[in-house]
Amino acid sequence: MELKKTLGQHFLIDQVVLKRIVSAVESLGPLNTLIEVGPGMGALTQYLIESPIKDFYLIEKDDRFIVELPKKFPSLKGKIFHQDVLSFDFKKELDREVTIVGNYPYNISNLIMFWIIENSEYVVNSVGMFQKEVAKRIAAMHGSKDYGILSVLTQSMYEVEYLFDIPAEAFDPPPKVVSGVIKMQRRQEPLADYTKLKRLVKAAFNQRRKMLSNSLKGVQFSNPNAFDLVKNLRPEQLSLEQFCALSKDLI
């Protein structure tokens, strides 16, 4: 089959890497419901289907694979959603907690992450493959040049672990970049209100080279003293905990 550039298709073919990803999924513990996003020709599916998962579903956008996947995996007939993952409605389709795994297209990596975060009431765990640059941003700690909006918002909801790199030659066709795999496990409670935190970090990192006294000039806090303690710092110097605490004082 010819690959569709519009879908950012690069198929993972390295069997050792595929098995490492399955091991990462299995390390999350007993799984009730697993959704694989973008299974393509089923390279990862063939291993996941052998794992002790109670309910296994696929989300695939490509019309061609929708035809082929049920032939290859008869037990998944009726469990394949033919749609764009970003339009997947959990409440309508699967009103339950799930684990997500996928080799995500580079061109929608950020959108995929926001889709997961904003559906955190459903997405308990995730193992995802991203462009390494994006994966590092998701897992970055404060003080790092990779630390930013995606780092803070994701880590306020999930404990994030960067697992390993995937070289370009593990894919067909090989992408021009290295990929990375991250594991995410939902916190018992979010560290902050998502809407407030998102507003704060977007304002802060919109001018990441400036001190917070400049980038947050128009933002009001119920406890100005708390802001005074950090106003001379740049956003990447503020820890996750500090951002979350500051967001609670946001008016």
C-alpha atoms as a PDB file:
ATOM      1  CA  MET A   1       0.000   0.000   0.000  1.00  0.00           C
ATOM      2  CA  GLU A   2       1.152   3.519  -0.747  1.00  0.00           C
ATOM      3  CA  LEU A   3       1.537   5.635   2.371  1.00  0.00           C
ATOM      4  CA  LYS A   4      -0.620   8.696   2.853  1.00  0.00           C
ATOM      5  CA  LYS A   5       1.580  11.695   3.581  1.00  0.00           C
ATOM      6  CA  THR A   6      -1.464  13.618   4.779  1.00  0.00           C
ATOM      7  CA  LEU A   7      -1.791  11.119   7.657  1.00  0.00           C
ATOM      8  CA  GLY A   8       1.919  11.270   8.519  1.00  0.00           C
ATOM      9  CA  GLN A   9       2.285   7.512   8.130  1.00  0.00           C
ATOM     10  CA  HIS A  10       5.553   5.887   9.243  1.00  0.00           C
ATOM     11  CA  PHE A  11       5.048   2.258  10.213  1.00  0.00           C
ATOM     12  CA  LEU A  12       7.033   0.756  13.072  1.00  0.00           C
ATOM     13  CA  ILE A  13       8.548  -2.530  11.826  1.00  0.00           C
ATOM     14  CA  ASP A  14      11.333  -3.295  14.316  1.00  0.00           C
ATOM     15  CA  GLN A  15      10.071  -6.341  16.234  1.00  0.00           C
ATOM     16  CA  VAL A  16      12.348  -5.721  19.237  1.00  0.00           C
ATOM     17  CA  VAL A  17      11.022  -2.181  19.626  1.00  0.00           C
ATOM     18  CA  LEU A  18       7.441  -3.366  19.198  1.00  0.00           C
ATOM     19  CA  LYS A  19       7.905  -5.878  22.012  1.00  0.00           C
ATOM     20  CA  ARG A  20       9.456  -3.196  24.254  1.00  0.00           C
ATOM     21  CA  ILE A  21       6.355  -1.062  23.762  1.00  0.00           C
ATOM     22  CA  VAL A  22       4.103  -4.002  24.636  1.00  0.00           C
ATOM     23  CA  SER A  23       6.175  -4.563  27.796  1.00  0.00           C
ATOM     24  CA  ALA A  24       5.676  -0.895  28.707  1.00  0.00           C
ATOM     25  CA  VAL A  25       1.909  -1.280  28.282  1.00  0.00           C
ATOM     26  CA  GLU A  26       1.872  -4.459  30.362  1.00  0.00           C
ATOM     27  CA  SER A  27       3.907  -2.728  33.109  1.00  0.00           C
ATOM     28  CA  LEU A  28       0.851  -0.549  33.761  1.00  0.00           C
ATOM     29  CA  GLY A  29      -0.778  -3.549  35.428  1.00  0.00           C
ATOM     30  CA  PRO A  30      -4.045  -5.362  34.660  1.00  0.00           C
ATOM     31  CA  LEU A  31      -5.831  -3.535  31.829  1.00  0.00           C
ATOM     32  CA  ASN A  32      -9.610  -3.543  31.499  1.00  0.00           C
ATOM     33  CA  THR A  33      -9.905  -1.500  28.317  1.00  0.00           C
ATOM     34  CA  LEU A  34      -7.092  -0.684  25.888  1.00  0.00           C
ATOM     35  CA  ILE A  35      -7.408   1.493  22.790  1.00  0.00           C
ATOM     36  CA  GLU A  36      -4.698   1.422  20.131  1.00  0.00           C
ATOM     37  CA  VAL A  37      -4.662   4.596  18.056  1.00  0.00           C
ATOM     38  CA  GLY A  38      -3.607   4.321  14.413  1.00  0.00           C
ATOM     39  CA  PRO A  39      -2.811   0.579  14.239  1.00  0.00           C
ATOM     40  CA  GLY A  40      -2.100   0.740  10.509  1.00  0.00           C
ATOM     41  CA  MET A  41      -1.293  -2.774   9.313  1.00  0.00           C
ATOM     42  CA  GLY A  42      -1.354  -4.155  12.861  1.00  0.00           C
ATOM     43  CA  ALA A  43       2.364  -4.483  13.638  1.00  0.00           C
ATOM     44  CA  LEU A  44       1.793  -3.596  17.298  1.00  0.00           C
ATOM     45  CA  THR A  45      -1.722  -5.025  17.405  1.00  0.00           C
ATOM     46  CA  GLN A  46      -0.432  -8.553  16.758  1.00  0.00           C
ATOM     47  CA  TYR A  47       1.403  -8.484  20.110  1.00  0.00           C
ATOM     48  CA  LEU A  48      -1.148  -6.501  22.105  1.00  0.00           C
ATOM     49  CA  ILE A  49      -3.920  -8.908  21.176  1.00  0.00           C
ATOM     50  CA  GLU A  50      -2.008 -11.640  23.006  1.00  0.00           C
ATOM     51  CA  SER A  51      -1.780  -9.576  26.214  1.00  0.00           C
ATOM     52  CA  PRO A  52      -4.195 -10.143  29.117  1.00  0.00           C
ATOM     53  CA  ILE A  53      -6.569  -7.307  28.190  1.00  0.00           C
ATOM     54  CA  LYS A  54     -10.287  -7.631  28.893  1.00  0.00           C
ATOM     55  CA  ASP A  55     -11.439  -5.257  26.161  1.00  0.00           C
ATOM     56  CA  PHE A  56      -9.310  -4.172  23.177  1.00  0.00           C
ATOM     57  CA  TYR A  57     -10.333  -1.527  20.622  1.00  0.00           C
ATOM     58  CA  LEU A  58      -8.717   0.222  17.662  1.00  0.00           C
ATOM     59  CA  ILE A  59      -9.177   3.731  16.260  1.00  0.00           C
ATOM     60  CA  GLU A  60      -8.111   3.993  12.619  1.00  0.00           C
ATOM     61  CA  LYS A  61      -8.737   6.788  10.114  1.00  0.00           C
ATOM     62  CA  ASP A  62      -7.365   5.188   6.934  1.00  0.00           C
ATOM     63  CA  ASP A  63     -10.163   3.540   4.905  1.00  0.00           C
ATOM     64  CA  ARG A  64      -7.838   0.835   3.571  1.00  0.00           C
ATOM     65  CA  PHE A  65      -6.863  -0.502   6.984  1.00  0.00           C
ATOM     66  CA  ILE A  66     -10.477  -0.517   8.125  1.00  0.00           C
ATOM     67  CA  VAL A  67     -11.045  -3.171   5.471  1.00  0.00           C
ATOM     68  CA  GLU A  68      -7.901  -5.203   6.198  1.00  0.00           C
ATOM     69  CA  LEU A  69      -7.722  -5.158  10.011  1.00  0.00           C
ATOM     70  CA  PRO A  70     -10.855  -7.266  10.693  1.00  0.00           C
ATOM     71  CA  LYS A  71      -9.544  -9.871   8.231  1.00  0.00           C
ATOM     72  CA  LYS A  72      -6.236 -10.061  10.058  1.00  0.00           C
ATOM     73  CA  PHE A  73      -7.741  -9.924  13.561  1.00  0.00           C
ATOM     74  CA  PRO A  74     -11.226 -11.500  13.462  1.00  0.00           C
ATOM     75  CA  SER A  75     -11.659 -11.128  17.234  1.00  0.00           C
ATOM     76  CA  LEU A  76     -11.606  -7.337  16.781  1.00  0.00           C
ATOM     77  CA  LYS A  77     -14.590  -7.200  14.440  1.00  0.00           C
ATOM     78  CA  GLY A  78     -17.013  -4.636  15.794  1.00  0.00           C
ATOM     79  CA  LYS A  79     -14.263  -3.105  17.939  1.00  0.00           C
ATOM     80  CA  ILE A  80     -12.637  -0.872  15.332  1.00  0.00           C
ATOM     81  CA  PHE A  81     -13.657   2.795  15.277  1.00  0.00           C
ATOM     82  CA  HIS A  82     -13.319   4.306  11.805  1.00  0.00           C
ATOM     83  CA  GLN A  83     -12.624   7.949  12.580  1.00  0.00           C
ATOM     84  CA  ASP A  84     -10.118  10.663  13.327  1.00  0.00           C
ATOM     85  CA  VAL A  85      -8.924  10.145  16.897  1.00  0.00           C
ATOM     86  CA  LEU A  86      -9.249  13.862  17.642  1.00  0.00           C
ATOM     87  CA  SER A  87     -12.998  13.629  17.075  1.00  0.00           C
ATOM     88  CA  PHE A  88     -13.416  10.494  19.201  1.00  0.00           C
ATOM     89  CA  ASP A  89     -16.148  11.058  21.787  1.00  0.00           C
ATOM     90  CA  PHE A  90     -15.527   8.909  24.867  1.00  0.00           C
ATOM     91  CA  LYS A  91     -18.907   9.598  26.427  1.00  0.00           C
ATOM     92  CA  LYS A  92     -20.702   8.525  23.262  1.00  0.00           C
ATOM     93  CA  GLU A  93     -18.489   5.587  22.208  1.00  0.00           C
ATOM     94  CA  LEU A  94     -16.910   4.130  25.368  1.00  0.00           C
ATOM     95  CA  ASP A  95     -18.122   5.678  28.596  1.00  0.00           C
ATOM     96  CA  ARG A  96     -15.419   4.097  30.748  1.00  0.00           C
ATOM     97  CA  GLU A  97     -11.796   4.486  31.848  1.00  0.00           C
ATOM     98  CA  VAL A  98      -9.230   3.381  29.261  1.00  0.00           C
ATOM     99  CA  THR A  99      -5.528   2.997  28.505  1.00  0.00           C
ATOM    100  CA  ILE A 100      -4.292   4.515  25.237  1.00  0.00           C
ATOM    101  CA  VAL A 101      -1.347   3.317  23.140  1.00  0.00           C
ATOM    102  CA  GLY A 102      -0.248   4.605  19.764  1.00  0.00           C
ATOM    103  CA  ASN A 103       2.413   5.587  17.262  1.00  0.00           C
ATOM    104  CA  TYR A 104       1.188   9.125  16.788  1.00  0.00           C
ATOM    105  CA  PRO A 105       1.638  11.128  13.561  1.00  0.00           C
ATOM    106  CA  TYR A 106       4.227  13.843  14.078  1.00  0.00           C
ATOM    107  CA  ASN A 107       2.035  16.519  12.525  1.00  0.00           C
ATOM    108  CA  ILE A 108      -0.664  16.205  15.215  1.00  0.00           C
ATOM    109  CA  SER A 109       1.462  15.222  18.243  1.00  0.00           C
ATOM    110  CA  ASN A 110       0.574  18.305  20.273  1.00  0.00           C
ATOM    111  CA  LEU A 111      -3.112  17.964  19.419  1.00  0.00           C
ATOM    112  CA  ILE A 112      -3.030  14.297  20.480  1.00  0.00           C
ATOM    113  CA  MET A 113      -1.548  15.288  23.842  1.00  0.00           C
ATOM    114  CA  PHE A 114      -4.182  17.953  24.467  1.00  0.00           C
ATOM    115  CA  TRP A 115      -6.854  15.419  23.450  1.00  0.00           C
ATOM    116  CA  ILE A 116      -5.531  13.017  26.099  1.00  0.00           C
ATOM    117  CA  ILE A 117      -5.207  15.684  28.797  1.00  0.00           C
ATOM    118  CA  GLU A 118      -8.646  17.100  28.167  1.00  0.00           C
ATOM    119  CA  ASN A 119     -10.121  13.594  28.358  1.00  0.00           C
ATOM    120  CA  SER A 120      -8.226  12.678  31.523  1.00  0.00           C
ATOM    121  CA  GLU A 121     -11.450  11.593  33.233  1.00  0.00           C
ATOM    122  CA  TYR A 122     -11.389   8.659  30.787  1.00  0.00           C
ATOM    123  CA  VAL A 123      -7.678   8.194  29.964  1.00  0.00           C
ATOM    124  CA  VAL A 124      -6.054   6.578  32.994  1.00  0.00           C
ATOM    125  CA  ASN A 125      -2.773   5.511  31.381  1.00  0.00           C
ATOM    126  CA  SER A 126      -0.967   5.955  28.102  1.00  0.00           C
ATOM    127  CA  VAL A 127       2.088   4.678  26.271  1.00  0.00           C
ATOM    128  CA  GLY A 128       2.805   6.848  23.253  1.00  0.00           C
ATOM    129  CA  MET A 129       5.375   7.220  20.510  1.00  0.00           C
ATOM    130  CA  PHE A 130       6.148  10.776  19.459  1.00  0.00           C
ATOM    131  CA  GLN A 131       8.850  12.688  17.688  1.00  0.00           C
ATOM    132  CA  LYS A 132      11.639  12.764  20.292  1.00  0.00           C
ATOM    133  CA  GLU A 133      11.499  16.543  20.490  1.00  0.00           C
ATOM    134  CA  VAL A 134       7.827  16.408  21.521  1.00  0.00           C
ATOM    135  CA  ALA A 135       8.324  13.463  23.896  1.00  0.00           C
ATOM    136  CA  LYS A 136      11.101  15.367  25.662  1.00  0.00           C
ATOM    137  CA  ARG A 137       8.854  18.424  26.016  1.00  0.00           C
ATOM    138  CA  ILE A 138       6.105  16.329  27.606  1.00  0.00           C
ATOM    139  CA  ALA A 139       8.510  14.821  30.169  1.00  0.00           C
ATOM    140  CA  ALA A 140      10.751  17.893  30.737  1.00  0.00           C
ATOM    141  CA  MET A 141      11.458  19.232  34.212  1.00  0.00           C
ATOM    142  CA  HIS A 142      11.760  22.925  35.082  1.00  0.00           C
ATOM    143  CA  GLY A 143      15.104  24.481  34.236  1.00  0.00           C
ATOM    144  CA  SER A 144      15.238  22.621  30.931  1.00  0.00           C
ATOM    145  CA  LYS A 145      14.958  24.339  27.542  1.00  0.00           C
ATOM    146  CA  ASP A 146      12.309  21.713  26.662  1.00  0.00           C
ATOM    147  CA  TYR A 147      10.111  22.686  29.621  1.00  0.00           C
ATOM    148  CA  GLY A 148       6.979  24.541  28.601  1.00  0.00           C
ATOM    149  CA  ILE A 149       3.201  24.583  28.302  1.00  0.00           C
ATOM    150  CA  LEU A 150       2.911  20.911  27.352  1.00  0.00           C
ATOM    151  CA  SER A 151       5.205  19.847  30.219  1.00  0.00           C
ATOM    152  CA  VAL A 152       3.250  21.681  32.910  1.00  0.00           C
ATOM    153  CA  LEU A 153      -0.251  20.812  31.709  1.00  0.00           C
ATOM    154  CA  THR A 154       0.520  17.126  31.149  1.00  0.00           C
ATOM    155  CA  GLN A 155       2.391  16.654  34.403  1.00  0.00           C
ATOM    156  CA  SER A 156      -0.344  18.384  36.389  1.00  0.00           C
ATOM    157  CA  MET A 157      -2.616  15.482  35.372  1.00  0.00           C
ATOM    158  CA  TYR A 158      -0.177  12.589  34.884  1.00  0.00           C
ATOM    159  CA  GLU A 159       3.083  11.197  36.173  1.00  0.00           C
ATOM    160  CA  VAL A 160       5.260  11.077  33.068  1.00  0.00           C
ATOM    161  CA  GLU A 161       8.278   8.877  32.329  1.00  0.00           C
ATOM    162  CA  TYR A 162      10.459   9.050  29.213  1.00  0.00           C
ATOM    163  CA  LEU A 163      11.203   5.402  28.386  1.00  0.00           C
ATOM    164  CA  PHE A 164      13.467   5.111  25.336  1.00  0.00           C
ATOM    165  CA  ASP A 165      14.411   6.426  21.890  1.00  0.00           C
ATOM    166  CA  ILE A 166      13.372   4.769  18.642  1.00  0.00           C
ATOM    167  CA  PRO A 167      15.818   5.232  15.725  1.00  0.00           C
ATOM    168  CA  ALA A 168      14.525   6.228  12.307  1.00  0.00           C
ATOM    169  CA  GLU A 169      15.511   2.870  10.773  1.00  0.00           C
ATOM    170  CA  ALA A 170      12.935   1.121  12.984  1.00  0.00           C
ATOM    171  CA  PHE A 171      10.220   2.572  10.706  1.00  0.00           C
ATOM    172  CA  ASP A 172       9.121   2.098   7.120  1.00  0.00           C
ATOM    173  CA  PRO A 173       9.606   4.566   5.567  1.00  0.00           C
ATOM    174  CA  PRO A 174      12.252   5.978   7.936  1.00  0.00           C
ATOM    175  CA  PRO A 175      11.304   9.461   9.198  1.00  0.00           C
ATOM    176  CA  LYS A 176      13.899  12.222   9.244  1.00  0.00           C
ATOM    177  CA  VAL A 177      13.854  12.365  13.038  1.00  0.00           C
ATOM    178  CA  VAL A 178      14.343  10.121  16.071  1.00  0.00           C
ATOM    179  CA  SER A 179      11.224   9.122  17.986  1.00  0.00           C
ATOM    180  CA  GLY A 180      10.674   8.670  21.715  1.00  0.00           C
ATOM    181  CA  VAL A 181       8.315   6.599  23.857  1.00  0.00           C
ATOM    182  CA  ILE A 182       6.722   7.986  27.015  1.00  0.00           C
ATOM    183  CA  LYS A 183       4.548   6.394  29.673  1.00  0.00           C
ATOM    184  CA  MET A 184       1.866   8.375  31.480  1.00  0.00           C
ATOM    185  CA  GLN A 185      -0.086   7.384  34.589  1.00  0.00           C
ATOM    186  CA  ARG A 186      -2.919   9.558  35.845  1.00  0.00           C
ATOM    187  CA  ARG A 187      -2.503  11.138  39.259  1.00  0.00           C
ATOM    188  CA  GLN A 188      -5.090  10.354  41.918  1.00  0.00           C
ATOM    189  CA  GLU A 189      -6.038  14.030  41.845  1.00  0.00           C
ATOM    190  CA  PRO A 190      -4.999  16.798  39.396  1.00  0.00           C
ATOM    191  CA  LEU A 191      -2.475  19.182  40.894  1.00  0.00           C
ATOM    192  CA  ALA A 192      -4.489  22.192  39.727  1.00  0.00           C
ATOM    193  CA  ASP A 193      -7.641  23.321  37.977  1.00  0.00           C
ATOM    194  CA  TYR A 194      -6.878  22.682  34.301  1.00  0.00           C
ATOM    195  CA  THR A 195      -8.621  25.773  32.912  1.00  0.00           C
ATOM    196  CA  LYS A 196      -6.847  28.156  35.289  1.00  0.00           C
ATOM    197  CA  LEU A 197      -3.480  26.459  34.865  1.00  0.00           C
ATOM    198  CA  LYS A 198      -3.747  26.506  31.067  1.00  0.00           C
ATOM    199  CA  ARG A 199      -4.511  30.236  31.083  1.00  0.00           C
ATOM    200  CA  LEU A 200      -1.531  30.885  33.357  1.00  0.00           C
ATOM    201  CA  VAL A 201       1.100  28.839  31.537  1.00  0.00           C
ATOM    202  CA  LYS A 202       0.030  30.074  28.094  1.00  0.00           C
ATOM    203  CA  ALA A 203       0.481  33.652  29.244  1.00  0.00           C
ATOM    204  CA  ALA A 204       3.799  32.855  30.944  1.00  0.00           C
ATOM    205  CA  PHE A 205       5.419  30.885  28.106  1.00  0.00           C
ATOM    206  CA  ASN A 206       4.110  33.202  25.405  1.00  0.00           C
ATOM    207  CA  GLN A 207       7.122  35.345  26.319  1.00  0.00           C
ATOM    208  CA  ARG A 208       9.403  32.695  27.764  1.00  0.00           C
ATOM    209  CA  ARG A 209      12.555  34.834  27.608  1.00  0.00           C
ATOM    210  CA  LYS A 210      11.009  37.525  29.779  1.00  0.00           C
ATOM    211  CA  MET A 211      10.543  37.564  33.532  1.00  0.00           C
ATOM    212  CA  LEU A 212       7.072  36.741  34.817  1.00  0.00           C
ATOM    213  CA  SER A 213       6.637  40.342  35.946  1.00  0.00           C
ATOM    214  CA  ASN A 214       6.441  41.191  32.218  1.00  0.00           C
ATOM    215  CA  SER A 215       4.723  38.169  30.725  1.00  0.00           C
ATOM    216  CA  LEU A 216       2.038  38.097  33.443  1.00  0.00           C
ATOM    217  CA  LYS A 217       1.628  41.860  33.674  1.00  0.00           C
ATOM    218  CA  GLY A 218      -2.088  41.761  32.840  1.00  0.00           C
ATOM    219  CA  VAL A 219      -2.883  38.757  35.050  1.00  0.00           C
ATOM    220  CA  GLN A 220      -4.541  39.305  38.428  1.00  0.00           C
ATOM    221  CA  PHE A 221      -4.023  37.188  41.545  1.00  0.00           C
ATOM    222  CA  SER A 222      -6.104  36.997  44.711  1.00  0.00           C
ATOM    223  CA  ASN A 223      -2.843  36.799  46.689  1.00  0.00           C
ATOM    224  CA  PRO A 224      -0.384  39.266  45.074  1.00  0.00           C
ATOM    225  CA  ASN A 225       2.262  38.336  47.657  1.00  0.00           C
ATOM    226  CA  ALA A 226       2.502  34.835  46.191  1.00  0.00           C
ATOM    227  CA  PHE A 227       3.233  36.291  42.749  1.00  0.00           C
ATOM    228  CA  ASP A 228       5.803  38.711  44.200  1.00  0.00           C
ATOM    229  CA  LEU A 229       7.893  35.735  45.305  1.00  0.00           C
ATOM    230  CA  VAL A 230       8.353  34.511  41.720  1.00  0.00           C
ATOM    231  CA  LYS A 231       7.845  37.594  39.539  1.00  0.00           C
ATOM    232  CA  ASN A 232      11.575  37.991  38.848  1.00  0.00           C
ATOM    233  CA  LEU A 233      11.900  34.454  37.491  1.00  0.00           C
ATOM    234  CA  ARG A 234      11.523  33.317  33.890  1.00  0.00           C
ATOM    235  CA  PRO A 235       8.775  30.726  33.245  1.00  0.00           C
ATOM    236  CA  GLU A 236      11.160  27.792  32.750  1.00  0.00           C
ATOM    237  CA  GLN A 237      12.546  28.446  36.246  1.00  0.00           C
ATOM    238  CA  LEU A 238       9.174  27.857  37.887  1.00  0.00           C
ATOM    239  CA  SER A 239       8.556  24.260  38.996  1.00  0.00           C
ATOM    240  CA  LEU A 240       5.377  22.349  38.235  1.00  0.00           C
ATOM    241  CA  GLU A 241       4.315  22.733  41.866  1.00  0.00           C
ATOM    242  CA  GLN A 242       4.910  26.494  41.794  1.00  0.00           C
ATOM    243  CA  PHE A 243       2.842  26.927  38.633  1.00  0.00           C
ATOM    244  CA  CYS A 244       0.026  24.860  40.128  1.00  0.00           C
ATOM    245  CA  ALA A 245       0.083  26.808  43.407  1.00  0.00           C
ATOM    246  CA  LEU A 246       0.116  30.145  41.557  1.00  0.00           C
ATOM    247  CA  SER A 247      -2.801  29.092  39.342  1.00  0.00           C
ATOM    248  CA  LYS A 248      -4.974  28.629  42.444  1.00  0.00           C
ATOM    249  CA  ASP A 249      -4.671  32.365  43.132  1.00  0.00           C
ATOM    250  CA  LEU A 250      -5.643  33.307  39.594  1.00  0.00           C
ATOM    251  CA  ILE A 251      -8.661  35.624  39.382  1.00  0.00           C
END
